[in-house]
Amino acid sequence: MEKNFLPLVNYETAGQEVKREFDDQIAKNGRVTNMKRTLLHNVSAFRVYMDWYTLYDQITPFIGERAASLFSHAISTGNHCLVCTTFFRKILLDSGDNPDAPALSDTERLLVDFGRAIGTDPNAVPQSIYDRLKAAFTDEQIVLLIAFAGIMTATNLFNNVAKVPLDEVLYAYVGDGKGRVNDGR
């Protein structure tokens, strides 16, 4: 594995504003991930990326948590982001799912197809996917899905460019490295 490009922020040597963000993350999640510890070099950048959670909270009521994880996993594998791909593999595996061969509903299949297309080449999303999106969701929901995909892609980009190291809690969840969601096709 590559050496990380940026050091992880250390709580003990951090300023008060960064310590408040650390404390908030520990209260909410029980830990601070390596990505967040890297982003905390700049609190404004950190807060922008934390809006991922705001959009997640807005898409889960109409697609569900499993579909949101499958969508995020598909985008992340398309972007070849080890950190995020493995993070979502963990969520899926821990819930008893098989991220390498999930049984997909029609909506989940659409979101996986959309996520793959976005992650692979956002300029080449097939018209058939757009047609399926229009049939399944309102315009507002589609905007939320695209915005969520954008911040997911930005998260993948940050992890890849900053060479954020994989969190130790994810080591056991690394996939086969193919960077794809296998849905049986």
N, C-alpha and C. Protein backbone atom coordinates (compact mmCIF):
# COMPACT_ATOMS: atom_id res chain seq x y z
N MET A 1 0.84 -1.18 0.00
CA MET A 1 0.00 0.00 0.00
C MET A 1 0.89 1.25 0.00
N GLU A 2 0.45 2.27 -0.71
CA GLU A 2 1.24 3.50 -0.81
C GLU A 2 1.29 4.24 0.52
N LYS A 3 2.35 4.98 0.69
CA LYS A 3 2.48 5.83 1.87
C LYS A 3 1.56 7.03 1.68
N ASN A 4 0.90 7.42 2.79
CA ASN A 4 0.00 8.57 2.68
C ASN A 4 0.79 9.84 2.36
N PHE A 5 0.17 10.67 1.56
CA PHE A 5 0.77 11.92 1.10
C PHE A 5 0.76 12.98 2.19
N LEU A 6 -0.33 13.05 2.95
CA LEU A 6 -0.47 14.03 4.02
C LEU A 6 -0.53 13.32 5.36
N PRO A 7 0.03 13.92 6.39
CA PRO A 7 -0.06 13.28 7.70
C PRO A 7 -1.48 13.39 8.25
N LEU A 8 -1.81 12.47 9.13
CA LEU A 8 -3.10 12.52 9.82
C LEU A 8 -2.99 13.53 10.95
N VAL A 9 -4.02 14.35 11.12
CA VAL A 9 -4.03 15.34 12.20
C VAL A 9 -4.05 14.59 13.53
N ASN A 10 -3.25 15.05 14.45
CA ASN A 10 -3.14 14.45 15.77
C ASN A 10 -3.94 15.29 16.76
N TYR A 11 -4.82 14.65 17.50
CA TYR A 11 -5.68 15.35 18.45
C TYR A 11 -4.87 16.15 19.47
N GLU A 12 -3.84 15.54 20.00
CA GLU A 12 -3.07 16.17 21.07
C GLU A 12 -2.40 17.49 20.65
N THR A 13 -2.04 17.60 19.39
CA THR A 13 -1.35 18.80 18.93
C THR A 13 -2.26 19.74 18.14
N ALA A 14 -3.53 19.38 18.03
CA ALA A 14 -4.48 20.18 17.24
C ALA A 14 -4.98 21.40 18.01
N GLY A 15 -5.45 22.40 17.26
CA GLY A 15 -6.06 23.58 17.86
C GLY A 15 -7.45 23.26 18.40
N GLN A 16 -8.02 24.22 19.11
CA GLN A 16 -9.32 24.01 19.77
C GLN A 16 -10.45 23.70 18.78
N GLU A 17 -10.48 24.40 17.64
CA GLU A 17 -11.55 24.18 16.66
C GLU A 17 -11.49 22.76 16.11
N VAL A 18 -10.28 22.28 15.83
CA VAL A 18 -10.11 20.92 15.32
C VAL A 18 -10.48 19.92 16.42
N LYS A 19 -10.07 20.20 17.65
CA LYS A 19 -10.42 19.30 18.76
C LYS A 19 -11.94 19.19 18.93
N ARG A 20 -12.66 20.30 18.75
CA ARG A 20 -14.13 20.26 18.83
C ARG A 20 -14.70 19.33 17.75
N GLU A 21 -14.14 19.40 16.53
CA GLU A 21 -14.61 18.53 15.45
C GLU A 21 -14.29 17.07 15.77
N PHE A 22 -13.11 16.80 16.29
CA PHE A 22 -12.73 15.45 16.72
C PHE A 22 -13.74 14.94 17.74
N ASP A 23 -13.98 15.75 18.77
CA ASP A 23 -14.88 15.34 19.85
C ASP A 23 -16.28 15.06 19.31
N ASP A 24 -16.74 15.90 18.38
CA ASP A 24 -18.05 15.71 17.78
C ASP A 24 -18.11 14.40 17.00
N GLN A 25 -17.06 14.10 16.24
CA GLN A 25 -17.01 12.85 15.47
C GLN A 25 -16.99 11.63 16.39
N ILE A 26 -16.25 11.72 17.47
CA ILE A 26 -16.20 10.60 18.42
C ILE A 26 -17.56 10.41 19.08
N ALA A 27 -18.23 11.51 19.42
CA ALA A 27 -19.57 11.41 20.02
C ALA A 27 -20.56 10.80 19.03
N LYS A 28 -20.47 11.16 17.76
CA LYS A 28 -21.42 10.67 16.74
C LYS A 28 -21.08 9.26 16.27
N ASN A 29 -19.78 8.98 16.06
CA ASN A 29 -19.37 7.75 15.38
C ASN A 29 -18.44 6.84 16.17
N GLY A 30 -17.99 7.30 17.32
CA GLY A 30 -17.10 6.48 18.14
C GLY A 30 -15.65 6.53 17.73
N ARG A 31 -15.35 7.16 16.60
CA ARG A 31 -13.98 7.26 16.12
C ARG A 31 -13.89 8.34 15.06
N VAL A 32 -12.67 8.70 14.67
CA VAL A 32 -12.43 9.65 13.58
C VAL A 32 -11.65 8.90 12.51
N THR A 33 -12.22 8.81 11.31
CA THR A 33 -11.59 8.06 10.24
C THR A 33 -10.32 8.77 9.75
N ASN A 34 -9.49 8.02 9.04
CA ASN A 34 -8.28 8.61 8.46
C ASN A 34 -8.61 9.73 7.47
N MET A 35 -9.69 9.57 6.71
CA MET A 35 -10.08 10.63 5.78
C MET A 35 -10.40 11.91 6.55
N LYS A 36 -11.17 11.79 7.62
CA LYS A 36 -11.53 12.96 8.41
C LYS A 36 -10.30 13.55 9.10
N ARG A 37 -9.41 12.70 9.57
CA ARG A 37 -8.18 13.19 10.20
C ARG A 37 -7.28 13.90 9.19
N THR A 38 -7.40 13.55 7.93
CA THR A 38 -6.65 14.25 6.89
C THR A 38 -7.34 15.57 6.56
N LEU A 39 -8.65 15.53 6.38
CA LEU A 39 -9.41 16.74 6.06
C LEU A 39 -9.30 17.80 7.16
N LEU A 40 -9.10 17.38 8.39
CA LEU A 40 -9.05 18.33 9.51
C LEU A 40 -7.82 19.24 9.50
N HIS A 41 -6.98 19.12 8.49
CA HIS A 41 -5.94 20.13 8.30
C HIS A 41 -6.58 21.48 7.99
N ASN A 42 -7.83 21.44 7.49
CA ASN A 42 -8.58 22.67 7.23
C ASN A 42 -10.03 22.41 7.61
N VAL A 43 -10.52 23.09 8.63
CA VAL A 43 -11.87 22.85 9.15
C VAL A 43 -12.94 23.18 8.11
N SER A 44 -12.73 24.22 7.31
CA SER A 44 -13.73 24.55 6.28
C SER A 44 -13.86 23.42 5.27
N ALA A 45 -12.74 22.86 4.82
CA ALA A 45 -12.78 21.73 3.88
C ALA A 45 -13.47 20.53 4.54
N PHE A 46 -13.12 20.28 5.78
CA PHE A 46 -13.74 19.18 6.52
C PHE A 46 -15.26 19.34 6.55
N ARG A 47 -15.74 20.52 6.86
CA ARG A 47 -17.19 20.75 6.98
C ARG A 47 -17.90 20.60 5.63
N VAL A 48 -17.25 21.02 4.55
CA VAL A 48 -17.85 20.83 3.23
C VAL A 48 -18.06 19.34 2.96
N TYR A 49 -17.06 18.54 3.22
CA TYR A 49 -17.17 17.11 2.97
C TYR A 49 -18.17 16.44 3.92
N MET A 50 -18.38 17.00 5.09
CA MET A 50 -19.35 16.43 6.03
C MET A 50 -20.79 16.65 5.56
N ASP A 51 -20.99 17.49 4.55
CA ASP A 51 -22.32 17.63 3.97
C ASP A 51 -22.76 16.36 3.24
N TRP A 52 -21.85 15.42 3.04
CA TRP A 52 -22.23 14.10 2.53
C TRP A 52 -23.35 13.55 3.41
N TYR A 53 -23.23 13.71 4.72
CA TYR A 53 -24.22 13.18 5.65
C TYR A 53 -25.57 13.89 5.50
N THR A 54 -25.55 15.17 5.19
CA THR A 54 -26.78 15.93 4.98
C THR A 54 -27.55 15.35 3.79
N LEU A 55 -26.84 15.12 2.69
CA LEU A 55 -27.49 14.55 1.50
C LEU A 55 -27.89 13.09 1.73
N TYR A 56 -27.07 12.34 2.42
CA TYR A 56 -27.40 10.95 2.76
C TYR A 56 -28.73 10.91 3.52
N ASP A 57 -28.89 11.80 4.49
CA ASP A 57 -30.13 11.85 5.27
C ASP A 57 -31.33 12.24 4.44
N GLN A 58 -31.11 12.89 3.30
CA GLN A 58 -32.22 13.27 2.43
C GLN A 58 -32.55 12.20 1.39
N ILE A 59 -31.58 11.36 1.01
CA ILE A 59 -31.89 10.32 0.02
C ILE A 59 -32.40 9.03 0.65
N THR A 60 -31.98 8.74 1.88
CA THR A 60 -32.39 7.46 2.48
C THR A 60 -33.89 7.33 2.70
N PRO A 61 -34.63 8.40 2.96
CA PRO A 61 -36.08 8.20 3.10
C PRO A 61 -36.76 7.67 1.84
N PHE A 62 -36.23 7.98 0.66
CA PHE A 62 -36.90 7.50 -0.55
C PHE A 62 -36.18 6.35 -1.27
N ILE A 63 -34.93 6.04 -0.88
CA ILE A 63 -34.30 4.85 -1.48
C ILE A 63 -33.92 3.80 -0.44
N GLY A 64 -33.76 4.19 0.82
CA GLY A 64 -33.37 3.26 1.87
C GLY A 64 -31.86 3.24 2.08
N GLU A 65 -31.46 2.79 3.26
CA GLU A 65 -30.03 2.75 3.61
C GLU A 65 -29.26 1.75 2.76
N ARG A 66 -29.84 0.58 2.51
CA ARG A 66 -29.14 -0.43 1.70
C ARG A 66 -28.87 0.11 0.30
N ALA A 67 -29.89 0.70 -0.31
CA ALA A 67 -29.72 1.25 -1.66
C ALA A 67 -28.69 2.37 -1.67
N ALA A 68 -28.67 3.19 -0.62
CA ALA A 68 -27.68 4.27 -0.53
C ALA A 68 -26.27 3.68 -0.44
N SER A 69 -26.11 2.60 0.30
CA SER A 69 -24.80 1.94 0.39
C SER A 69 -24.40 1.30 -0.93
N LEU A 70 -25.35 0.66 -1.61
CA LEU A 70 -25.06 0.06 -2.92
C LEU A 70 -24.69 1.13 -3.94
N PHE A 71 -25.42 2.24 -3.94
CA PHE A 71 -25.15 3.37 -4.84
C PHE A 71 -23.75 3.93 -4.57
N SER A 72 -23.45 4.16 -3.30
CA SER A 72 -22.13 4.69 -2.91
C SER A 72 -21.01 3.72 -3.27
N HIS A 73 -21.26 2.44 -3.05
CA HIS A 73 -20.27 1.41 -3.38
C HIS A 73 -20.00 1.38 -4.88
N ALA A 74 -21.07 1.48 -5.69
CA ALA A 74 -20.91 1.46 -7.14
C ALA A 74 -20.12 2.67 -7.63
N ILE A 75 -20.42 3.84 -7.09
CA ILE A 75 -19.66 5.05 -7.46
C ILE A 75 -18.20 4.90 -7.06
N SER A 76 -17.97 4.44 -5.84
CA SER A 76 -16.61 4.34 -5.31
C SER A 76 -15.77 3.31 -6.04
N THR A 77 -16.39 2.19 -6.42
CA THR A 77 -15.62 1.20 -7.19
C THR A 77 -15.30 1.75 -8.57
N GLY A 78 -16.24 2.47 -9.17
CA GLY A 78 -15.98 3.10 -10.46
C GLY A 78 -14.86 4.12 -10.40
N ASN A 79 -14.76 4.81 -9.25
CA ASN A 79 -13.70 5.80 -9.04
C ASN A 79 -12.41 5.15 -8.53
N HIS A 80 -12.41 3.85 -8.34
CA HIS A 80 -11.25 3.11 -7.84
C HIS A 80 -10.73 3.67 -6.52
N CYS A 81 -11.67 3.97 -5.61
CA CYS A 81 -11.30 4.48 -4.29
C CYS A 81 -11.31 3.33 -3.29
N LEU A 82 -10.13 2.90 -2.89
CA LEU A 82 -10.01 1.79 -1.95
C LEU A 82 -10.69 2.11 -0.62
N VAL A 83 -10.51 3.32 -0.11
CA VAL A 83 -11.06 3.68 1.20
C VAL A 83 -12.59 3.59 1.18
N CYS A 84 -13.23 4.27 0.23
CA CYS A 84 -14.70 4.28 0.21
C CYS A 84 -15.29 2.95 -0.25
N THR A 85 -14.68 2.30 -1.22
CA THR A 85 -15.17 1.00 -1.65
C THR A 85 -15.17 0.04 -0.47
N THR A 86 -14.08 0.03 0.28
CA THR A 86 -13.97 -0.88 1.41
C THR A 86 -14.92 -0.48 2.54
N PHE A 87 -15.09 0.81 2.76
CA PHE A 87 -16.02 1.30 3.78
C PHE A 87 -17.43 0.78 3.49
N PHE A 88 -17.87 0.87 2.23
CA PHE A 88 -19.22 0.42 1.90
C PHE A 88 -19.32 -1.10 1.82
N ARG A 89 -18.23 -1.77 1.47
CA ARG A 89 -18.20 -3.24 1.56
C ARG A 89 -18.44 -3.67 3.00
N LYS A 90 -17.79 -2.99 3.93
CA LYS A 90 -17.96 -3.30 5.35
C LYS A 90 -19.42 -3.14 5.76
N ILE A 91 -20.03 -2.03 5.39
CA ILE A 91 -21.43 -1.79 5.75
C ILE A 91 -22.31 -2.91 5.19
N LEU A 92 -22.11 -3.25 3.93
CA LEU A 92 -22.93 -4.28 3.30
C LEU A 92 -22.67 -5.65 3.93
N LEU A 93 -21.42 -6.00 4.12
CA LEU A 93 -21.10 -7.30 4.72
C LEU A 93 -21.60 -7.40 6.16
N ASP A 94 -21.43 -6.34 6.93
CA ASP A 94 -21.87 -6.35 8.33
C ASP A 94 -23.39 -6.45 8.46
N SER A 95 -24.11 -6.04 7.42
CA SER A 95 -25.57 -6.15 7.45
C SER A 95 -26.04 -7.51 6.91
N GLY A 96 -25.08 -8.39 6.58
CA GLY A 96 -25.42 -9.72 6.09
C GLY A 96 -25.55 -9.80 4.59
N ASP A 97 -25.19 -8.73 3.89
CA ASP A 97 -25.31 -8.68 2.44
C ASP A 97 -24.01 -9.16 1.80
N ASN A 98 -24.08 -9.46 0.51
CA ASN A 98 -22.91 -9.85 -0.25
C ASN A 98 -22.65 -8.77 -1.31
N PRO A 99 -21.69 -7.86 -1.08
CA PRO A 99 -21.46 -6.79 -2.05
C PRO A 99 -20.94 -7.29 -3.40
N ASP A 100 -20.43 -8.51 -3.45
CA ASP A 100 -19.93 -9.06 -4.70
C ASP A 100 -21.02 -9.72 -5.53
N ALA A 101 -22.15 -10.04 -4.92
CA ALA A 101 -23.26 -10.66 -5.64
C ALA A 101 -24.58 -10.34 -4.94
N PRO A 102 -24.92 -9.06 -4.85
CA PRO A 102 -26.15 -8.70 -4.14
C PRO A 102 -27.40 -9.04 -4.96
N ALA A 103 -28.44 -9.43 -4.26
CA ALA A 103 -29.75 -9.57 -4.90
C ALA A 103 -30.34 -8.16 -4.93
N LEU A 104 -30.64 -7.67 -6.14
CA LEU A 104 -31.05 -6.29 -6.29
C LEU A 104 -32.52 -6.16 -6.69
N SER A 105 -33.21 -5.22 -6.04
CA SER A 105 -34.54 -4.84 -6.49
C SER A 105 -34.36 -4.02 -7.77
N ASP A 106 -35.45 -3.71 -8.44
CA ASP A 106 -35.36 -2.88 -9.65
C ASP A 106 -34.75 -1.52 -9.34
N THR A 107 -35.15 -0.90 -8.22
CA THR A 107 -34.61 0.40 -7.84
C THR A 107 -33.12 0.30 -7.52
N GLU A 108 -32.73 -0.73 -6.79
CA GLU A 108 -31.32 -0.91 -6.46
C GLU A 108 -30.49 -1.17 -7.72
N ARG A 109 -31.03 -1.95 -8.64
CA ARG A 109 -30.31 -2.20 -9.90
C ARG A 109 -30.10 -0.88 -10.65
N LEU A 110 -31.15 -0.05 -10.68
CA LEU A 110 -31.04 1.27 -11.33
C LEU A 110 -29.96 2.10 -10.66
N LEU A 111 -29.95 2.12 -9.34
CA LEU A 111 -28.95 2.93 -8.62
C LEU A 111 -27.54 2.39 -8.80
N VAL A 112 -27.38 1.08 -8.82
CA VAL A 112 -26.06 0.49 -9.09
C VAL A 112 -25.61 0.83 -10.51
N ASP A 113 -26.51 0.70 -11.46
CA ASP A 113 -26.17 1.04 -12.86
C ASP A 113 -25.80 2.52 -12.97
N PHE A 114 -26.58 3.38 -12.32
CA PHE A 114 -26.32 4.82 -12.34
C PHE A 114 -24.99 5.12 -11.65
N GLY A 115 -24.77 4.52 -10.50
CA GLY A 115 -23.51 4.72 -9.77
C GLY A 115 -22.30 4.27 -10.56
N ARG A 116 -22.41 3.12 -11.22
CA ARG A 116 -21.31 2.63 -12.06
C ARG A 116 -21.02 3.60 -13.19
N ALA A 117 -22.09 4.07 -13.84
CA ALA A 117 -21.92 5.00 -14.96
C ALA A 117 -21.26 6.30 -14.49
N ILE A 118 -21.70 6.82 -13.37
CA ILE A 118 -21.11 8.04 -12.83
C ILE A 118 -19.65 7.81 -12.48
N GLY A 119 -19.39 6.70 -11.78
CA GLY A 119 -18.02 6.41 -11.34
C GLY A 119 -17.07 6.13 -12.48
N THR A 120 -17.58 5.57 -13.56
CA THR A 120 -16.74 5.22 -14.70
C THR A 120 -16.52 6.41 -15.63
N ASP A 121 -17.60 7.05 -16.03
CA ASP A 121 -17.51 8.21 -16.92
C ASP A 121 -18.81 9.01 -16.82
N PRO A 122 -18.82 10.06 -15.99
CA PRO A 122 -20.06 10.82 -15.81
C PRO A 122 -20.53 11.53 -17.08
N ASN A 123 -19.69 11.62 -18.08
CA ASN A 123 -20.08 12.24 -19.36
C ASN A 123 -20.74 11.25 -20.31
N ALA A 124 -20.81 9.99 -19.89
CA ALA A 124 -21.35 8.96 -20.79
C ALA A 124 -22.45 8.13 -20.11
N VAL A 125 -23.24 8.76 -19.23
CA VAL A 125 -24.35 8.04 -18.63
C VAL A 125 -25.36 7.73 -19.75
N PRO A 126 -25.70 6.46 -19.94
CA PRO A 126 -26.60 6.10 -21.04
C PRO A 126 -27.99 6.72 -20.89
N GLN A 127 -28.59 7.06 -22.01
CA GLN A 127 -29.94 7.63 -22.01
C GLN A 127 -30.93 6.69 -21.34
N SER A 128 -30.71 5.39 -21.48
CA SER A 128 -31.64 4.42 -20.86
C SER A 128 -31.66 4.58 -19.33
N ILE A 129 -30.53 4.94 -18.74
CA ILE A 129 -30.51 5.17 -17.29
C ILE A 129 -31.28 6.45 -16.96
N TYR A 130 -31.09 7.49 -17.76
CA TYR A 130 -31.86 8.71 -17.53
C TYR A 130 -33.36 8.43 -17.63
N ASP A 131 -33.76 7.64 -18.60
CA ASP A 131 -35.17 7.30 -18.77
C ASP A 131 -35.70 6.54 -17.56
N ARG A 132 -34.91 5.60 -17.06
CA ARG A 132 -35.31 4.83 -15.87
C ARG A 132 -35.38 5.72 -14.63
N LEU A 133 -34.45 6.67 -14.51
CA LEU A 133 -34.48 7.61 -13.37
C LEU A 133 -35.76 8.43 -13.40
N LYS A 134 -36.12 8.96 -14.59
CA LYS A 134 -37.33 9.78 -14.72
C LYS A 134 -38.58 8.97 -14.38
N ALA A 135 -38.58 7.69 -14.69
CA ALA A 135 -39.74 6.84 -14.40
C ALA A 135 -39.83 6.48 -12.92
N ALA A 136 -38.69 6.48 -12.22
CA ALA A 136 -38.66 6.02 -10.83
C ALA A 136 -38.70 7.13 -9.79
N PHE A 137 -38.21 8.32 -10.15
CA PHE A 137 -38.05 9.38 -9.15
C PHE A 137 -38.59 10.72 -9.64
N THR A 138 -38.87 11.61 -8.68
CA THR A 138 -39.26 12.98 -9.02
C THR A 138 -38.02 13.76 -9.42
N ASP A 139 -38.23 14.91 -10.02
CA ASP A 139 -37.09 15.77 -10.39
C ASP A 139 -36.27 16.13 -9.16
N GLU A 140 -36.93 16.46 -8.06
CA GLU A 140 -36.20 16.81 -6.83
C GLU A 140 -35.36 15.63 -6.33
N GLN A 141 -35.92 14.43 -6.37
CA GLN A 141 -35.17 13.25 -5.94
C GLN A 141 -33.96 12.99 -6.85
N ILE A 142 -34.14 13.20 -8.15
CA ILE A 142 -33.01 13.01 -9.08
C ILE A 142 -31.92 14.03 -8.80
N VAL A 143 -32.29 15.27 -8.51
CA VAL A 143 -31.30 16.28 -8.14
C VAL A 143 -30.54 15.84 -6.90
N LEU A 144 -31.24 15.34 -5.90
CA LEU A 144 -30.58 14.87 -4.68
C LEU A 144 -29.63 13.72 -4.97
N LEU A 145 -30.06 12.77 -5.82
CA LEU A 145 -29.21 11.64 -6.16
C LEU A 145 -27.94 12.09 -6.89
N ILE A 146 -28.09 13.03 -7.83
CA ILE A 146 -26.93 13.53 -8.56
C ILE A 146 -26.00 14.31 -7.63
N ALA A 147 -26.58 15.15 -6.76
CA ALA A 147 -25.76 15.91 -5.82
C ALA A 147 -25.02 14.97 -4.86
N PHE A 148 -25.72 13.95 -4.38
CA PHE A 148 -25.09 12.97 -3.51
C PHE A 148 -23.95 12.26 -4.25
N ALA A 149 -24.20 11.88 -5.50
CA ALA A 149 -23.16 11.23 -6.30
C ALA A 149 -21.97 12.16 -6.48
N GLY A 150 -22.24 13.45 -6.63
CA GLY A 150 -21.15 14.42 -6.77
C GLY A 150 -20.28 14.50 -5.53
N ILE A 151 -20.89 14.54 -4.36
CA ILE A 151 -20.09 14.62 -3.14
C ILE A 151 -19.42 13.28 -2.85
N MET A 152 -20.06 12.18 -3.27
CA MET A 152 -19.42 10.86 -3.13
C MET A 152 -18.18 10.81 -4.02
N THR A 153 -18.30 11.31 -5.24
CA THR A 153 -17.16 11.36 -6.16
C THR A 153 -16.07 12.26 -5.61
N ALA A 154 -16.46 13.40 -5.05
CA ALA A 154 -15.47 14.31 -4.45
C ALA A 154 -14.75 13.64 -3.29
N THR A 155 -15.47 12.87 -2.51
CA THR A 155 -14.87 12.14 -1.39
C THR A 155 -13.86 11.12 -1.91
N ASN A 156 -14.24 10.41 -2.96
CA ASN A 156 -13.31 9.44 -3.57
C ASN A 156 -12.07 10.15 -4.11
N LEU A 157 -12.28 11.26 -4.78
CA LEU A 157 -11.17 12.03 -5.33
C LEU A 157 -10.23 12.47 -4.20
N PHE A 158 -10.79 12.99 -3.12
CA PHE A 158 -9.96 13.43 -2.01
C PHE A 158 -9.12 12.27 -1.47
N ASN A 159 -9.77 11.14 -1.22
CA ASN A 159 -9.03 9.99 -0.68
C ASN A 159 -7.93 9.52 -1.62
N ASN A 160 -8.23 9.49 -2.91
CA ASN A 160 -7.24 9.02 -3.89
C ASN A 160 -6.08 9.99 -4.04
N VAL A 161 -6.37 11.28 -4.19
CA VAL A 161 -5.31 12.26 -4.42
C VAL A 161 -4.48 12.48 -3.16
N ALA A 162 -5.14 12.52 -2.01
CA ALA A 162 -4.41 12.72 -0.75
C ALA A 162 -3.73 11.44 -0.26
N LYS A 163 -4.01 10.32 -0.96
CA LYS A 163 -3.45 9.02 -0.59
C LYS A 163 -3.76 8.69 0.87
N VAL A 164 -5.03 8.90 1.22
CA VAL A 164 -5.48 8.62 2.59
C VAL A 164 -5.32 7.12 2.84
N PRO A 165 -4.66 6.75 3.94
CA PRO A 165 -4.47 5.33 4.21
C PRO A 165 -5.77 4.66 4.66
N LEU A 166 -5.92 3.42 4.28
CA LEU A 166 -7.08 2.64 4.69
C LEU A 166 -7.10 2.51 6.21
N ASP A 167 -8.24 2.73 6.80
CA ASP A 167 -8.38 2.58 8.25
C ASP A 167 -8.20 1.12 8.63
N GLU A 168 -7.53 0.88 9.74
CA GLU A 168 -7.27 -0.49 10.18
C GLU A 168 -8.55 -1.31 10.33
N VAL A 169 -9.65 -0.67 10.76
CA VAL A 169 -10.90 -1.41 10.94
C VAL A 169 -11.46 -1.93 9.62
N LEU A 170 -10.91 -1.47 8.50
CA LEU A 170 -11.38 -1.90 7.17
C LEU A 170 -10.51 -2.99 6.54
N TYR A 171 -9.35 -3.26 7.12
CA TYR A 171 -8.43 -4.21 6.50
C TYR A 171 -9.08 -5.55 6.14
N ALA A 172 -9.90 -6.08 7.01
CA ALA A 172 -10.50 -7.40 6.79
C ALA A 172 -11.59 -7.38 5.72
N TYR A 173 -11.96 -6.18 5.25
CA TYR A 173 -13.09 -6.04 4.31
C TYR A 173 -12.66 -5.73 2.87
N VAL A 174 -11.37 -5.65 2.63
CA VAL A 174 -10.89 -5.34 1.29
C VAL A 174 -11.35 -6.43 0.33
N GLY A 175 -11.89 -6.01 -0.81
CA GLY A 175 -12.39 -6.96 -1.81
C GLY A 175 -11.28 -7.51 -2.68
N ASP A 176 -11.69 -8.03 -3.81
CA ASP A 176 -10.74 -8.66 -4.72
C ASP A 176 -9.99 -7.68 -5.60
N GLY A 177 -10.30 -6.39 -5.45
CA GLY A 177 -9.57 -5.38 -6.19
C GLY A 177 -10.08 -5.12 -7.59
N LYS A 178 -11.18 -5.75 -7.99
CA LYS A 178 -11.69 -5.55 -9.35
C LYS A 178 -12.42 -4.22 -9.49
N GLY A 179 -12.80 -3.61 -8.37
CA GLY A 179 -13.43 -2.31 -8.43
C GLY A 179 -14.81 -2.31 -9.05
N ARG A 180 -15.54 -3.39 -8.90
CA ARG A 180 -16.88 -3.47 -9.48
C ARG A 180 -17.84 -4.08 -8.48
N VAL A 181 -19.09 -3.72 -8.59
CA VAL A 181 -20.15 -4.43 -7.90
C VAL A 181 -20.58 -5.54 -8.83
N ASN A 182 -20.54 -6.76 -8.37
CA ASN A 182 -20.96 -7.90 -9.19
C ASN A 182 -22.42 -8.16 -8.89
N ASP A 183 -23.29 -7.88 -9.84
CA ASP A 183 -24.72 -8.11 -9.63
C ASP A 183 -25.23 -9.31 -10.43
N GLY A 184 -24.34 -10.20 -10.77
CA GLY A 184 -24.74 -11.43 -11.45
C GLY A 184 -24.78 -11.33 -12.97
N ARG A 185 -24.44 -10.17 -13.52
CA ARG A 185 -24.47 -10.04 -14.98
C ARG A 185 -23.17 -10.52 -15.58
